[in-house]
Protein backbone atom coordinates (compact mmCIF):
# COMPACT_ATOMS: atom_id res chain seq x y z
CA MET A 1 -2.10 15.28 -14.16
CA SER A 2 -2.85 14.53 -10.54
CA THR A 3 -2.13 11.07 -9.16
CA LEU A 4 -4.75 8.70 -7.79
CA SER A 5 -3.84 9.71 -4.22
CA ASP A 6 -4.19 13.41 -5.08
CA LEU A 7 -7.60 12.95 -6.70
CA LEU A 8 -8.95 10.84 -3.84
CA ALA A 9 -7.67 13.32 -1.28
CA GLU A 10 -9.07 16.35 -3.10
CA HIS A 11 -12.49 15.07 -4.16
CA THR A 12 -13.54 12.35 -1.72
CA GLY A 13 -13.83 11.68 1.98
CA LEU A 14 -12.66 8.07 1.68
CA SER A 15 -10.93 6.55 4.68
CA GLY A 16 -7.25 5.66 4.54
CA GLN A 17 -8.19 1.98 4.40
CA ALA A 18 -10.47 2.55 1.39
CA ALA A 19 -7.81 4.61 -0.40
CA ASP A 20 -5.24 1.87 0.20
CA HIS A 21 -7.64 -0.73 -1.20
CA LEU A 22 -8.15 1.32 -4.39
CA GLN A 23 -4.38 1.57 -4.76
CA LEU A 24 -4.24 -2.24 -4.60
CA VAL A 25 -6.96 -2.50 -7.26
CA VAL A 26 -5.07 -0.15 -9.58
CA ALA A 27 -1.84 -2.06 -8.96
CA GLU A 28 -3.53 -5.27 -10.14
CA TRP A 29 -5.80 -4.03 -12.90
CA GLN A 30 -3.38 -4.28 -15.83
CA LEU A 31 -3.87 -8.01 -15.36
CA LEU A 32 -7.65 -7.50 -15.57
CA SER A 33 -7.39 -5.21 -18.59
CA ASP A 34 -5.22 -7.64 -20.57
CA LEU A 35 -7.41 -10.64 -19.69
CA SER A 36 -10.56 -8.69 -20.63
CA PHE A 37 -9.20 -7.16 -23.87
CA ALA A 38 -10.77 -3.97 -22.51
CA ASP A 39 -10.06 -0.58 -20.96
CA PHE A 40 -10.65 -0.16 -17.22
CA LEU A 41 -11.70 3.13 -15.64
CA LEU A 42 -11.93 3.69 -11.89
CA TRP A 43 -14.83 5.93 -10.83
CA VAL A 44 -15.56 7.33 -7.37
CA PRO A 45 -18.78 9.09 -6.33
CA VAL A 46 -18.38 12.79 -5.55
CA GLY A 47 -20.72 15.59 -4.58
CA PRO A 48 -24.01 15.32 -2.67
CA ARG A 49 -25.22 11.85 -1.72
CA ASP A 50 -28.65 12.55 -3.26
CA ALA A 51 -29.17 9.99 -6.03
CA ALA A 52 -30.45 12.58 -8.51
CA GLU A 53 -27.40 14.78 -8.14
CA ASP A 54 -24.64 12.21 -7.63
CA ARG A 55 -21.63 12.62 -9.88
CA PHE A 56 -18.80 10.22 -10.59
CA LEU A 57 -15.17 11.21 -11.11
CA CYS A 58 -12.69 9.08 -13.07
CA VAL A 59 -9.53 8.83 -10.95
CA ALA A 60 -7.49 6.22 -12.88
CA GLN A 61 -7.36 4.54 -16.28
CA ALA A 62 -5.77 1.39 -17.74
CA ARG A 63 -5.54 0.31 -21.39
CA PRO A 64 -5.08 -3.27 -22.60
CA THR A 65 -1.88 -4.47 -24.24
CA THR A 66 -3.83 -7.32 -25.85
CA ALA A 67 -6.44 -5.32 -27.83
CA PRO A 68 -7.19 -1.85 -29.26
CA THR A 69 -8.14 0.74 -26.66
CA ALA A 70 -11.68 2.05 -26.36
CA HIS A 71 -10.37 5.36 -24.95
CA PRO A 72 -7.47 6.85 -26.93
CA ASP A 73 -8.15 10.09 -25.00
CA ASP A 74 -7.25 10.56 -21.35
CA VAL A 75 -10.38 10.17 -19.22
CA VAL A 76 -8.79 10.77 -15.79
CA GLY A 77 -10.32 13.85 -14.16
CA THR A 78 -13.59 13.56 -16.14
CA GLU A 79 -16.90 13.84 -14.28
CA VAL A 80 -20.17 12.23 -15.39
CA VAL A 81 -23.70 12.30 -14.02
CA PRO A 82 -25.92 9.19 -13.76
CA GLN A 83 -27.81 10.15 -16.93
CA GLU A 84 -24.57 9.91 -18.93
CA HIS A 85 -23.47 6.59 -17.43
CA PRO A 86 -26.42 5.03 -15.55
CA GLN A 87 -24.55 1.74 -15.00
CA LEU A 88 -22.26 3.44 -12.48
CA ARG A 89 -25.15 4.33 -10.20
CA ARG A 90 -26.71 0.89 -10.68
CA ALA A 91 -23.51 -0.83 -9.59
CA VAL A 92 -23.45 1.24 -6.37
CA VAL A 93 -27.14 0.78 -5.55
CA GLU A 94 -27.42 -2.91 -6.50
CA GLY A 95 -23.90 -3.92 -5.45
CA ARG A 96 -23.41 -6.22 -8.45
CA ILE A 97 -21.84 -6.29 -11.91
CA CYS A 98 -24.07 -4.44 -14.40
CA ARG A 99 -23.82 -4.87 -18.17
CA GLU A 100 -25.24 -2.77 -20.98
CA GLU A 101 -27.22 -4.67 -23.56
CA ASP A 102 -26.37 -2.42 -26.50
CA PRO A 103 -22.97 -0.86 -27.28
CA ARG A 104 -22.49 2.91 -27.23
CA TRP A 105 -20.55 4.96 -29.75
CA HIS A 106 -17.50 6.82 -28.45
CA LEU A 107 -15.35 8.86 -30.88
CA GLY A 108 -16.76 6.82 -33.76
CA VAL A 109 -16.02 3.50 -32.05
CA PRO A 110 -18.67 1.07 -30.73
CA VAL A 111 -17.95 0.40 -27.05
CA ARG A 112 -19.62 -2.11 -24.74
CA ARG A 113 -19.57 -1.03 -21.10
CA GLU A 114 -20.10 -2.89 -17.87
CA THR A 115 -19.56 -1.77 -14.31
CA ILE A 116 -18.08 -3.65 -11.36
CA PRO A 117 -18.60 -2.45 -7.76
CA VAL A 118 -15.36 -2.32 -5.76
CA LYS A 119 -16.23 -3.76 -2.36
CA LEU A 120 -14.39 -3.31 0.93
CA ASP A 121 -15.94 -4.76 4.08
CA GLN A 122 -19.23 -5.23 2.21
CA GLN A 123 -19.32 -1.52 1.27
CA THR A 124 -19.01 -0.21 -2.31
CA VAL A 125 -16.19 2.37 -2.23
CA ALA A 126 -15.78 2.84 -6.00
CA VAL A 127 -16.85 1.41 -9.37
CA LEU A 128 -14.78 -0.11 -12.17
CA SER A 129 -15.96 0.44 -15.73
CA ARG A 130 -14.86 -2.23 -18.22
CA ASP A 131 -15.10 -0.74 -21.73
CA THR A 132 -14.50 -3.04 -24.71
CA ASN A 133 -13.71 -1.76 -28.22
CA LEU A 134 -16.01 -3.67 -30.60
CA ALA A 135 -14.70 -2.11 -33.83
CA VAL A 136 -12.27 -4.98 -34.44
CA PRO A 137 -14.10 -8.30 -34.91
CA ARG A 138 -12.66 -11.11 -32.79
CA VAL A 139 -12.77 -14.79 -33.62
CA PRO A 140 -13.18 -16.86 -30.43
CA SER A 141 -10.08 -18.93 -29.75
CA PRO A 142 -8.96 -21.09 -26.83
CA LEU A 143 -6.71 -18.23 -25.67
CA GLU A 144 -9.50 -15.65 -25.80
CA ILE A 145 -11.97 -17.96 -24.06
CA ALA A 146 -9.47 -18.73 -21.28
CA TYR A 147 -8.58 -15.05 -20.85
CA LEU A 148 -12.18 -13.86 -20.70
CA GLY A 149 -13.18 -16.64 -18.30
CA SER A 150 -10.34 -15.77 -15.95
CA ALA A 151 -11.19 -12.06 -16.17
CA ALA A 152 -14.83 -12.79 -15.33
CA ASP A 153 -13.81 -14.70 -12.20
CA LEU A 154 -11.43 -11.96 -11.00
CA CYS A 155 -13.98 -9.20 -11.67
CA GLN A 156 -16.58 -11.13 -9.68
CA MET A 157 -14.08 -11.43 -6.83
CA ILE A 158 -13.66 -7.62 -6.87
CA ALA A 159 -17.45 -7.32 -6.62
CA ASP A 160 -17.36 -9.87 -3.78
CA GLY A 161 -14.63 -7.89 -1.96
CA THR A 162 -12.16 -10.80 -2.03
CA PHE A 163 -9.71 -9.43 -4.64
CA PRO A 164 -7.18 -7.97 -4.35
CA THR A 165 -5.97 -8.81 -0.87
CA PRO A 166 -3.41 -6.69 1.03
CA GLU A 167 -1.59 -9.70 2.49
CA PRO A 168 0.75 -10.93 1.29
CA ALA A 169 1.99 -7.91 -0.68
CA PRO A 170 1.66 -8.94 -4.34
CA ASP A 171 4.76 -7.08 -5.61
CA VAL A 172 2.90 -6.59 -8.90
CA HIS A 173 5.50 -4.28 -10.43
CA THR A 174 7.94 -7.17 -10.87
CA SER A 175 5.39 -9.99 -11.13
CA PRO A 176 4.69 -11.82 -14.38
CA ARG A 177 1.96 -10.33 -16.56
CA VAL A 178 -0.63 -11.90 -18.82
CA GLY A 179 1.50 -11.55 -21.94
CA ASP A 180 4.49 -13.17 -20.24
CA GLY A 181 2.73 -16.51 -19.81
CA LEU A 182 -0.58 -17.68 -18.34
CA VAL A 183 -1.67 -21.13 -17.18
CA ARG A 184 -5.30 -21.78 -16.14
CA LEU A 185 -5.79 -24.58 -13.62
CA ASP A 186 -8.93 -26.40 -12.61
CA SER A 187 -9.82 -27.00 -8.97
CA SER A 188 -7.68 -30.16 -8.86
CA GLY A 189 -4.56 -28.38 -10.13
CA ALA A 190 -4.63 -29.78 -13.65
CA VAL A 191 -3.86 -27.47 -16.59
CA VAL A 192 -6.86 -26.61 -18.75
CA PHE A 193 -5.07 -23.92 -20.80
CA ALA A 194 -1.51 -22.69 -21.29
CA SER A 195 -0.60 -19.67 -23.43
CA PRO A 196 2.21 -19.97 -25.99
CA ASN A 197 4.60 -17.91 -23.84
CA ALA A 198 3.86 -20.14 -20.84
CA LEU A 199 4.68 -23.19 -22.96
CA SER A 200 7.94 -21.56 -24.04
CA ALA A 201 8.91 -20.87 -20.44
CA TYR A 202 8.33 -24.50 -19.50
CA HIS A 203 10.26 -25.63 -22.59
CA ARG A 204 13.20 -23.52 -21.38
CA MET A 205 12.95 -25.35 -18.05
CA GLY A 206 13.18 -28.74 -19.81
CA HIS A 207 9.56 -29.81 -20.33
CA ALA A 208 9.09 -30.61 -24.02
CA ALA A 209 5.51 -31.92 -23.98
CA ASP A 210 2.21 -30.06 -23.89
CA LEU A 211 0.96 -28.78 -20.52
CA VAL A 212 -2.79 -29.35 -20.91
CA GLY A 213 -3.93 -32.06 -18.52
CA ALA A 214 -0.69 -32.03 -16.51
CA ALA A 215 -0.69 -31.64 -12.72
CA ILE A 216 1.28 -28.41 -12.69
CA ALA A 217 2.52 -28.39 -9.07
CA PRO A 218 4.43 -31.71 -9.10
CA LEU A 219 5.57 -31.07 -12.69
CA THR A 220 7.08 -27.69 -11.79
CA ARG A 221 8.68 -29.11 -8.67
CA SER A 222 10.41 -31.82 -10.72
CA LEU A 223 11.82 -29.31 -13.22
CA LEU A 224 13.44 -26.83 -10.82
CA SER A 225 17.13 -27.19 -10.00
CA ASP A 226 16.85 -26.46 -6.28
CA PRO A 227 14.56 -28.97 -4.50
CA PHE A 228 13.71 -26.38 -1.84
CA ASP A 229 12.63 -23.89 -4.52
CA GLY A 230 10.67 -26.64 -6.22
CA GLU A 231 8.82 -27.50 -3.03
CA GLU A 232 8.14 -23.80 -2.32
CA VAL A 233 6.66 -23.17 -5.79
CA ALA A 234 4.52 -26.29 -5.53
CA GLN A 235 3.26 -25.22 -2.10
CA ARG A 236 2.29 -21.80 -3.42
CA ILE A 237 0.35 -23.33 -6.29
CA TRP A 238 -1.53 -25.61 -3.87
CA GLN A 239 -2.20 -22.64 -1.58
CA ALA A 240 -3.73 -20.72 -4.49
CA LEU A 241 -5.93 -23.71 -5.28
CA SER A 242 -7.14 -23.60 -1.67
CA GLY A 243 -7.92 -19.88 -1.91
CA GLN A 244 -4.76 -18.29 -0.48
CA PRO A 245 -2.94 -15.58 -2.51
CA SER A 246 0.83 -15.66 -2.78
CA MET A 247 3.74 -13.44 -3.69
CA ARG A 248 5.78 -14.01 -6.81
CA MET A 249 8.74 -16.36 -6.59
CA GLU A 250 11.85 -16.72 -8.70
CA ALA A 251 13.45 -20.10 -9.43
CA GLU A 252 16.00 -21.62 -11.80
CA ALA A 253 15.90 -24.70 -14.01
CA ARG A 254 18.48 -25.85 -16.60
CA GLY A 255 20.06 -22.39 -16.71
CA ALA A 256 16.73 -20.56 -17.17
CA THR A 257 15.37 -18.15 -14.56
CA VAL A 258 11.58 -18.05 -14.27
CA LEU A 259 9.17 -16.00 -12.17
CA PHE A 260 5.99 -17.62 -10.85
CA ARG A 261 2.87 -16.14 -9.29
CA ALA A 262 -0.29 -18.07 -8.42
CA LEU A 263 -3.69 -16.38 -7.95
CA PRO A 264 -6.76 -18.11 -6.52
CA LEU A 265 -10.05 -17.93 -8.41
CA GLN A 266 -13.04 -17.96 -6.07
CA PRO A 267 -15.97 -16.07 -7.64
CA ARG A 268 -18.91 -15.86 -5.23
CA GLY A 269 -16.85 -17.84 -2.73
CA GLN A 270 -16.78 -20.98 -4.91
CA GLN A 271 -13.48 -22.63 -5.82
CA ALA A 272 -12.87 -22.28 -9.58
CA GLY A 273 -9.18 -23.22 -9.77
CA ALA A 274 -6.28 -20.81 -10.06
CA LEU A 275 -4.15 -18.79 -12.44
CA LEU A 276 -0.42 -19.37 -12.69
CA LEU A 277 1.52 -16.50 -14.25
CA VAL A 278 5.02 -17.37 -15.48
CA ARG A 279 7.76 -15.25 -16.99
CA ASP A 280 11.12 -16.23 -18.42
CA VAL A 281 13.50 -13.54 -17.10
CA THR A 282 16.80 -15.17 -18.02
CA GLU A 283 17.84 -12.39 -20.40
CA VAL A 284 16.90 -9.52 -18.08
CA LYS A 285 18.52 -11.04 -15.02
CA ARG A 286 21.71 -9.06 -15.52
CA ARG A 287 19.83 -5.78 -15.24
CA ASP A 288 17.93 -7.02 -12.20
CA ARG A 289 21.20 -7.91 -10.51
CA ALA A 290 22.52 -4.39 -11.18
CA LEU A 291 19.37 -2.86 -9.65
CA MET A 292 19.56 -5.20 -6.68
CA SER A 293 23.17 -4.17 -6.17
CA LYS A 294 22.13 -0.50 -6.18
CA ASP A 295 19.33 -1.15 -3.66
CA ALA A 296 21.71 -3.09 -1.47
CA THR A 297 24.16 -0.17 -1.57
CA ILE A 298 21.45 2.28 -0.48
CA ARG A 299 20.39 -0.01 2.36
CA GLU A 300 24.02 -0.40 3.42
CA ILE A 301 24.38 3.40 3.55
CA HIS A 302 21.32 3.62 5.83
CA HIS A 303 22.80 0.84 7.97
CA ARG A 304 26.10 2.67 8.36
CA VAL A 305 24.37 5.98 9.13
CA LYS A 306 22.37 4.16 11.79
CA ASN A 307 25.54 2.70 13.28
CA ASN A 308 27.25 6.10 13.32
CA LEU A 309 24.23 7.72 14.99
CA GLN A 310 24.14 4.99 17.61
CA THR A 311 27.82 5.62 18.29
CA VAL A 312 27.13 9.35 18.71
CA ALA A 313 24.23 8.55 21.07
CA ALA A 314 26.47 6.23 23.11
CA LEU A 315 29.16 8.92 23.41
CA LEU A 316 26.59 11.52 24.49
CA ARG A 317 25.15 9.07 27.01
CA LEU A 318 28.63 8.42 28.42
CA GLN A 319 29.29 12.17 28.67
CA SER A 320 25.96 12.64 30.43
CA ARG A 321 26.89 10.12 33.12
CA ARG A 322 30.17 11.92 33.77
CA THR A 323 28.59 15.39 33.96
CA GLY A 324 27.87 16.79 37.41
CA ASN A 325 25.77 19.73 36.21
CA GLY A 326 22.06 18.81 36.19
CA THR A 327 21.14 21.21 33.38
CA ALA A 328 23.94 19.92 31.16
CA ARG A 329 22.98 16.31 31.91
CA GLN A 330 19.38 16.99 30.92
CA ALA A 331 20.47 18.61 27.65
CA LEU A 332 22.72 15.65 26.83
CA ASP A 333 19.93 13.17 27.63
CA GLU A 334 17.58 15.03 25.29
CA SER A 335 20.23 14.92 22.56
CA VAL A 336 20.56 11.16 23.07
CA ARG A 337 16.82 10.75 22.61
CA ARG A 338 16.77 12.83 19.42
CA VAL A 339 19.72 11.05 17.86
CA THR A 340 18.26 7.66 18.79
CA SER A 341 14.94 8.54 17.12
CA ILE A 342 16.70 9.41 13.86
CA ALA A 343 18.81 6.24 14.10
CA LEU A 344 15.63 4.12 14.36
CA VAL A 345 14.35 5.59 11.08
CA HIS A 346 17.61 4.76 9.30
CA GLU A 347 17.52 1.27 10.78
CA THR A 348 14.07 0.76 9.27
CA LEU A 349 15.23 2.13 5.90
CA SER A 350 18.21 -0.24 5.97
CA MET A 351 15.70 -3.11 5.82
CA SER A 352 13.36 -1.46 3.28
CA VAL A 353 13.50 -1.93 -0.48
CA ASP A 354 11.44 1.12 -1.51
CA GLU A 355 12.54 4.00 0.76
CA ARG A 356 9.32 3.78 2.78
CA VAL A 357 8.95 3.45 6.54
CA ASP A 358 6.35 1.68 8.65
CA LEU A 359 5.84 4.52 11.11
CA ASP A 360 3.91 2.35 13.56
CA ASP A 361 6.95 0.11 13.96
CA VAL A 362 9.27 3.06 14.63
CA VAL A 363 6.86 4.77 17.05
CA ASP A 364 6.31 1.51 18.91
CA ARG A 365 10.05 1.25 19.45
CA VAL A 366 10.49 4.88 20.54
CA ILE A 367 7.55 4.98 22.96
CA PRO A 368 8.76 2.15 25.25
CA MET A 369 12.10 3.90 25.75
CA MET A 370 10.35 7.09 26.82
CA SER A 371 7.67 5.25 28.78
CA ASP A 372 10.17 3.21 30.79
CA LEU A 373 12.07 6.33 31.78
CA ALA A 374 8.87 8.25 32.63
CA THR A 375 7.43 5.35 34.66
CA ALA A 376 10.66 5.03 36.64
CA GLU A 377 10.79 8.78 37.42
CA THR A 378 7.16 9.91 37.66
CA GLY A 379 4.83 6.94 37.12
CA VAL A 380 3.49 8.34 33.82
CA LYS A 381 2.59 5.77 31.13
CA VAL A 382 2.72 6.31 27.34
CA ARG A 383 0.70 4.34 24.80
CA ARG A 384 -0.38 4.52 21.14
CA GLU A 385 -3.86 4.26 19.59
CA GLY A 386 -4.70 3.99 15.88
CA ARG A 387 -2.35 3.50 12.94
CA PHE A 388 0.11 5.87 11.27
CA GLY A 389 0.76 3.46 8.39
CA VAL A 390 3.60 3.55 5.88
CA VAL A 391 5.09 6.90 4.86
CA ALA A 392 7.85 8.04 2.52
CA ALA A 393 11.36 8.30 3.91
CA GLU A 394 11.34 12.09 3.52
CA LEU A 395 8.43 12.31 5.97
CA ALA A 396 9.56 9.64 8.42
CA THR A 397 12.44 11.42 10.16
CA PRO A 398 10.70 14.78 10.83
CA LEU A 399 7.49 12.98 11.85
CA VAL A 400 9.26 10.77 14.37
CA MET A 401 11.17 13.79 15.71
CA VAL A 402 7.97 15.81 16.13
CA LEU A 403 6.10 12.98 17.83
CA THR A 404 8.92 12.23 20.29
CA GLU A 405 9.36 15.91 21.14
CA LEU A 406 5.64 16.34 21.81
CA VAL A 407 5.54 13.22 24.00
CA GLN A 408 8.63 14.36 25.87
CA ASN A 409 7.14 17.82 26.33
CA ALA A 410 4.04 16.25 27.91
CA LEU A 411 6.16 14.06 30.19
CA GLU A 412 8.25 17.03 31.38
CA HIS A 413 5.59 19.69 31.86
CA ALA A 414 2.15 18.09 32.25
CA PHE A 415 2.60 16.37 35.60
CA PRO A 416 3.82 17.69 38.97
CA PRO A 417 6.78 15.82 40.53
CA GLY A 418 5.75 12.43 41.87
CA GLU A 419 2.29 12.49 40.23
CA GLY A 420 1.33 9.72 37.80
CA GLY A 421 -0.80 9.92 34.68
CA GLU A 422 -1.03 8.88 31.05
CA VAL A 423 0.09 10.24 27.68
CA VAL A 424 -1.76 8.87 24.63
CA VAL A 425 -0.53 9.12 21.03
CA GLN A 426 -3.59 8.85 18.78
CA ALA A 427 -3.22 8.40 15.02
CA GLU A 428 -5.82 8.61 12.26
CA ARG A 429 -5.14 8.44 8.55
CA SER A 430 -7.28 9.31 5.54
CA ALA A 431 -6.53 9.58 1.83
CA ARG A 432 -5.54 13.22 2.32
CA TRP A 433 -4.28 13.68 5.89
CA LEU A 434 -2.29 12.06 8.63
CA ASP A 435 -3.64 13.30 11.96
CA ALA A 436 -1.97 12.76 15.32
CA VAL A 437 -3.13 13.90 18.74
CA ILE A 438 -0.79 13.68 21.73
CA SER A 439 -2.97 14.05 24.82
CA ASP A 440 -2.29 13.91 28.54
CA ASP A 441 -4.35 14.10 31.73
CA GLY A 442 -1.97 16.48 33.47
CA ARG A 443 -2.36 19.98 34.84
CA GLY A 444 -3.01 21.71 31.50
CA LEU A 445 -1.49 24.75 29.79
CA PRO A 446 -0.54 27.99 31.57
CA GLU A 447 -3.07 30.76 31.02
CA ASP A 448 -0.61 32.92 29.06
CA PHE A 449 0.80 30.06 26.94
CA SER A 450 1.52 30.77 23.27
CA LEU A 451 3.08 28.22 20.93
CA GLU A 452 4.61 30.98 18.79
CA ARG A 453 6.33 32.56 21.81
CA ALA A 454 7.40 29.30 23.47
CA GLU A 455 11.10 29.34 24.33
CA HIS A 456 11.44 25.62 25.10
CA LEU A 457 13.91 24.11 22.60
CA GLY A 458 11.73 21.05 21.99
CA LEU A 459 8.72 23.13 20.93
CA GLN A 460 10.93 25.31 18.75
CA ILE A 461 12.25 22.20 17.01
CA VAL A 462 8.69 20.91 16.56
CA ARG A 463 7.40 24.17 15.13
CA THR A 464 10.29 24.39 12.66
CA LEU A 465 9.89 20.79 11.47
CA VAL A 466 6.12 21.06 11.09
CA GLU A 467 6.33 24.25 9.04
CA SER A 468 9.42 23.60 6.90
CA GLU A 469 9.63 19.82 6.52
CA LEU A 470 6.11 18.48 7.00
CA ARG A 471 4.21 21.52 5.66
CA GLY A 472 1.52 20.76 8.19
CA SER A 473 -0.15 22.44 11.14
CA LEU A 474 0.21 22.15 14.91
CA SER A 475 -1.85 23.49 17.78
CA LEU A 476 -1.82 23.03 21.57
CA ARG A 477 -5.08 23.33 23.46
CA GLY A 478 -6.72 22.43 26.72
CA ARG A 479 -8.41 19.07 27.09
CA GLY A 480 -11.72 19.39 28.85
CA GLN A 481 -11.48 19.62 32.62
CA ARG A 482 -7.88 18.45 32.80
CA GLY A 483 -4.93 17.93 30.50
CA THR A 484 -3.56 19.14 27.17
CA GLU A 485 -3.81 18.08 23.54
CA ALA A 486 -1.19 18.67 20.85
CA VAL A 487 -2.96 18.35 17.48
CA LEU A 488 -0.75 17.64 14.45
CA ARG A 489 -2.04 17.48 10.87
CA VAL A 490 0.25 16.52 7.97
CA PRO A 491 -0.82 16.46 4.28
CA LEU A 492 -0.18 13.21 2.42
CA LYS A 493 -0.63 14.51 -1.12
CA TYR A 494 2.26 14.43 -3.59
CA ARG A 495 5.05 16.65 -2.30
CA ARG A 496 7.13 18.75 -4.68
């Protein structure tokens, strides 16, 4: 089955920002599903924009761990028309949560559906369907009431466009979940509900009494062994109460290791308290330490590779300075630039925990080196526009190599000796493609130029990397009255 990224790239024209936002929603929605005791389906509009012909495609699905599923079958990849699920269209048109009055029957099970518009910058980019299995009667309890109330606030925040937020990164894969322990706070920070697992976690930390009515921030601070950790956890709880999201934090108390994560609740922009998720991870800490040791080893390997490449670049630079032959010196200088570009990627990976690279950071460190040299020799300036974003490690090295070679090619061939100008690296990213255009305002391409027949080593390297490593496309063309554009397109779908 295709991933969310694949389905968005293949069936929609969503921007890269919208696709990233939907990834954040899916990363958080197990929390919503468990709090709601309901399945969540993510639908995106596809096809013509005419209301009568609009279709919706299900691109992701989550089932609750706290209740029976309403969809034992896999719904991802299913298309529906408005007549089959009119609430989807209503959520897009009206921009609000829409609920069905009467349940529908699905595979012999009564299901109540409601739809939640997913807002980004006041625009509805997708719709969440919350489907509840009504076959099993539920007796209202304090836990169920607290869960459903929290879910309602978070769903309203999705419809408001205020949840989830990209900053700070939530690290949801290792964060506490609903079943691990949940504490609901009022706007003053007092506990109005604590789940049994949350109570157990606080008992492990040394608090024997009930939590309801307690001011959770100072209580937690007093229990933690390290006063700095205690102050940090308390600050994060207070920040959530003031509307600021926070990352998860790990702390120790009386030999127990506990994870905390605080989430603000601000439906319709009104302060409604916060959620505090807690998880006792004392018993799984040994495994976490083993994984952390493995990650540290991988980062250390990248660090050593970076150091070795920097040593090679330094030796080549030294040899270049001692070489009297101009052609040989130029070849050595180009080798220094290529090795340095690869070293920068490994330096970034040595500080990464997930084998992903912020390409903007790497490009912004490569461009000044090339720009300083070009400005000193010819007066040509290099700058970047747009965002490349974060890419997998397997793409980072060939992408950086291709971009630096294309910039260097423009610096060497676009401008006559002594003439100034500008080289611009433009980036644009969508759910499906990463597009880059390297443009200059120089003298343009020769009339008989052919990329396939180009003998320049840099262009040969570029062509090989684009075809074999990036599986993308590259073209060089004239730019209006003056200059040249190198147009690079790289697919971002799952790579086998």
